[in-house]
């Protein structure tokens, strides 16, 4: 089950937590981390349903890559409440090259494990995942 390109497996907890976010809305966000020694993607943190988008983006490390999902609620121009599940591949410019390569080579396979992602964002800088970007991509 490991990814041939990077050798990273996906821990079952990743899929279970994502399913809970998607179906039960138990979490607002999930941050995933690659454990190089264990050669697998694990859940690093979850955000409770009241978590703000700003609190979520503040929780991402400034110098290490992560994968994250965020369940974004918004109103359509007609005033209808909707939500979109974002997948964010966070790869800050300040992270190590090896770290970026491992995350880049594992991303597609990991994303396929999370059935129900609606929008994907690739970000190297906080401005690329600002609230304005999220709002414009959601609608």
Protein backbone atom coordinates (compact mmCIF):
# COMPACT_ATOMS: atom_id res chain seq x y z
CA UNK A 1 0.00 0.00 0.00
CA UNK A 2 2.97 2.36 0.22
CA UNK A 3 3.33 4.94 -2.50
CA UNK A 4 5.88 3.66 -5.01
CA UNK A 5 7.25 7.15 -5.63
CA UNK A 6 7.85 8.09 -2.01
CA UNK A 7 7.22 4.93 0.00
CA UNK A 8 4.63 6.67 2.19
CA UNK A 9 1.67 4.71 3.52
CA UNK A 10 -1.50 6.38 4.79
CA UNK A 11 -2.43 5.63 8.39
CA UNK A 12 -6.06 4.45 8.78
CA UNK A 13 -6.71 7.25 11.28
CA UNK A 14 -6.29 9.77 8.42
CA UNK A 15 -9.18 8.24 6.50
CA UNK A 16 -11.34 7.81 9.61
CA UNK A 17 -10.91 11.42 10.77
CA UNK A 18 -11.60 12.70 7.25
CA UNK A 19 -14.78 10.61 7.08
CA UNK A 20 -15.89 12.09 10.42
CA UNK A 21 -15.21 15.61 9.13
CA UNK A 22 -17.12 14.92 5.92
CA UNK A 23 -20.14 13.06 7.26
CA UNK A 24 -20.56 14.06 10.91
CA UNK A 25 -18.80 17.45 10.80
CA UNK A 26 -16.95 16.44 13.98
CA UNK A 27 -14.00 18.64 12.96
CA UNK A 28 -13.53 21.90 11.09
CA UNK A 29 -10.00 21.00 10.00
CA UNK A 30 -7.41 18.23 10.01
CA UNK A 31 -3.67 18.73 9.63
CA UNK A 32 -1.68 15.75 8.35
CA UNK A 33 2.05 15.18 8.72
CA UNK A 34 4.42 12.74 7.05
CA UNK A 35 6.33 10.70 9.62
CA UNK A 36 9.52 9.91 7.71
CA UNK A 37 10.79 7.28 10.15
CA UNK A 38 7.48 5.37 10.03
CA UNK A 39 7.09 6.10 6.29
CA UNK A 40 3.45 7.09 6.66
CA UNK A 41 1.06 10.02 6.74
CA UNK A 42 -0.49 10.59 10.18
CA UNK A 43 -2.99 12.98 11.76
CA UNK A 44 -1.09 15.77 13.50
CA UNK A 45 -4.01 17.92 14.70
CA UNK A 46 -7.75 18.42 14.40
CA UNK A 47 -9.75 21.60 14.78
CA UNK A 48 -13.11 21.53 16.54
CA UNK A 49 -16.27 22.62 14.64
CA UNK A 50 -16.08 26.18 16.04
CA UNK A 51 -12.51 26.76 14.80
CA UNK A 52 -12.06 29.88 12.65
CA UNK A 53 -10.23 29.80 9.35
CA UNK A 54 -7.62 32.19 10.78
CA UNK A 55 -6.95 29.85 13.73
CA UNK A 56 -6.52 27.00 11.26
CA UNK A 57 -4.00 28.85 9.04
CA UNK A 58 -2.13 30.05 12.15
CA UNK A 59 -1.73 26.40 13.21
CA UNK A 60 0.28 25.52 10.08
CA UNK A 61 4.05 25.48 10.68
CA UNK A 62 6.03 28.29 9.05
CA UNK A 63 8.97 26.12 7.97
CA UNK A 64 7.60 22.62 7.39
CA UNK A 65 5.24 21.12 4.82
CA UNK A 66 1.84 19.69 5.73
CA UNK A 67 -1.34 18.45 4.11
CA UNK A 68 -4.56 19.83 5.52
CA UNK A 69 -8.29 19.76 4.94
CA UNK A 70 -10.67 22.51 5.95
CA UNK A 71 -14.47 22.41 5.84
CA UNK A 72 -15.36 25.94 4.75
CA UNK A 73 -18.92 27.25 5.30
CA UNK A 74 -20.18 30.17 3.23
CA UNK A 75 -23.31 31.78 1.82
CA UNK A 76 -24.03 31.81 -1.90
CA UNK A 77 -24.95 35.18 -3.49
CA UNK A 78 -28.58 34.05 -3.05
CA UNK A 79 -27.99 33.62 0.70
CA UNK A 80 -27.99 29.81 0.67
CA UNK A 81 -25.60 28.23 3.21
CA UNK A 82 -23.10 25.83 1.63
CA UNK A 83 -19.81 24.21 2.52
CA UNK A 84 -16.77 23.07 0.54
CA UNK A 85 -14.01 20.75 1.68
CA UNK A 86 -10.62 22.19 0.76
CA UNK A 87 -7.44 20.14 0.48
CA UNK A 88 -4.40 22.31 1.11
CA UNK A 89 -0.89 21.23 0.19
CA UNK A 90 1.17 23.54 2.41
CA UNK A 91 4.78 23.79 1.27
CA UNK A 92 6.35 27.00 2.62
CA UNK A 93 9.36 28.43 0.80
CA UNK A 94 11.33 28.18 4.05
CA UNK A 95 10.96 24.38 4.37
CA UNK A 96 13.81 22.02 3.47
CA UNK A 97 14.04 20.83 -0.14
CA UNK A 98 13.84 17.18 0.93
CA UNK A 99 10.69 17.93 2.94
CA UNK A 100 9.07 19.60 -0.11
CA UNK A 101 10.02 16.69 -2.38
CA UNK A 102 8.56 14.05 -0.06
CA UNK A 103 5.28 15.95 0.28
CA UNK A 104 5.07 16.67 -3.46
CA UNK A 105 5.69 13.04 -4.44
CA UNK A 106 3.13 11.68 -1.94
CA UNK A 107 0.35 14.24 -2.47
CA UNK A 108 -1.69 12.69 -5.27
CA UNK A 109 -1.89 9.26 -3.70
CA UNK A 110 -2.73 10.70 -0.29
CA UNK A 111 -5.42 12.93 -1.77
CA UNK A 112 -7.01 9.93 -3.52
CA UNK A 113 -7.41 8.27 -0.10
CA UNK A 114 -9.62 11.17 1.03
CA UNK A 115 -12.79 10.73 -0.96
CA UNK A 116 -14.86 13.91 -0.98
CA UNK A 117 -12.34 16.70 -1.45
CA UNK A 118 -13.92 19.43 -3.55
CA UNK A 119 -11.20 22.06 -4.01
CA UNK A 120 -7.42 21.77 -3.91
CA UNK A 121 -5.01 24.58 -3.08
CA UNK A 122 -1.24 24.52 -3.37
CA UNK A 123 0.41 27.12 -1.11
CA UNK A 124 3.97 28.23 -0.43
CA UNK A 125 3.08 31.42 1.41
CA UNK A 126 0.21 32.46 3.78
CA UNK A 127 -1.15 34.90 1.18
CA UNK A 128 -1.97 31.95 -1.11
CA UNK A 129 -4.39 30.52 1.45
CA UNK A 130 -5.85 33.79 2.72
CA UNK A 131 -9.55 33.98 3.51
CA UNK A 132 -10.17 36.00 0.34
CA UNK A 133 -8.64 33.19 -1.77
CA UNK A 134 -10.76 30.57 -0.01
CA UNK A 135 -13.95 32.63 -0.47
CA UNK A 136 -13.31 33.18 -4.18
CA UNK A 137 -12.54 29.49 -4.82
CA UNK A 138 -15.55 28.27 -2.79
CA UNK A 139 -18.25 30.01 -4.79
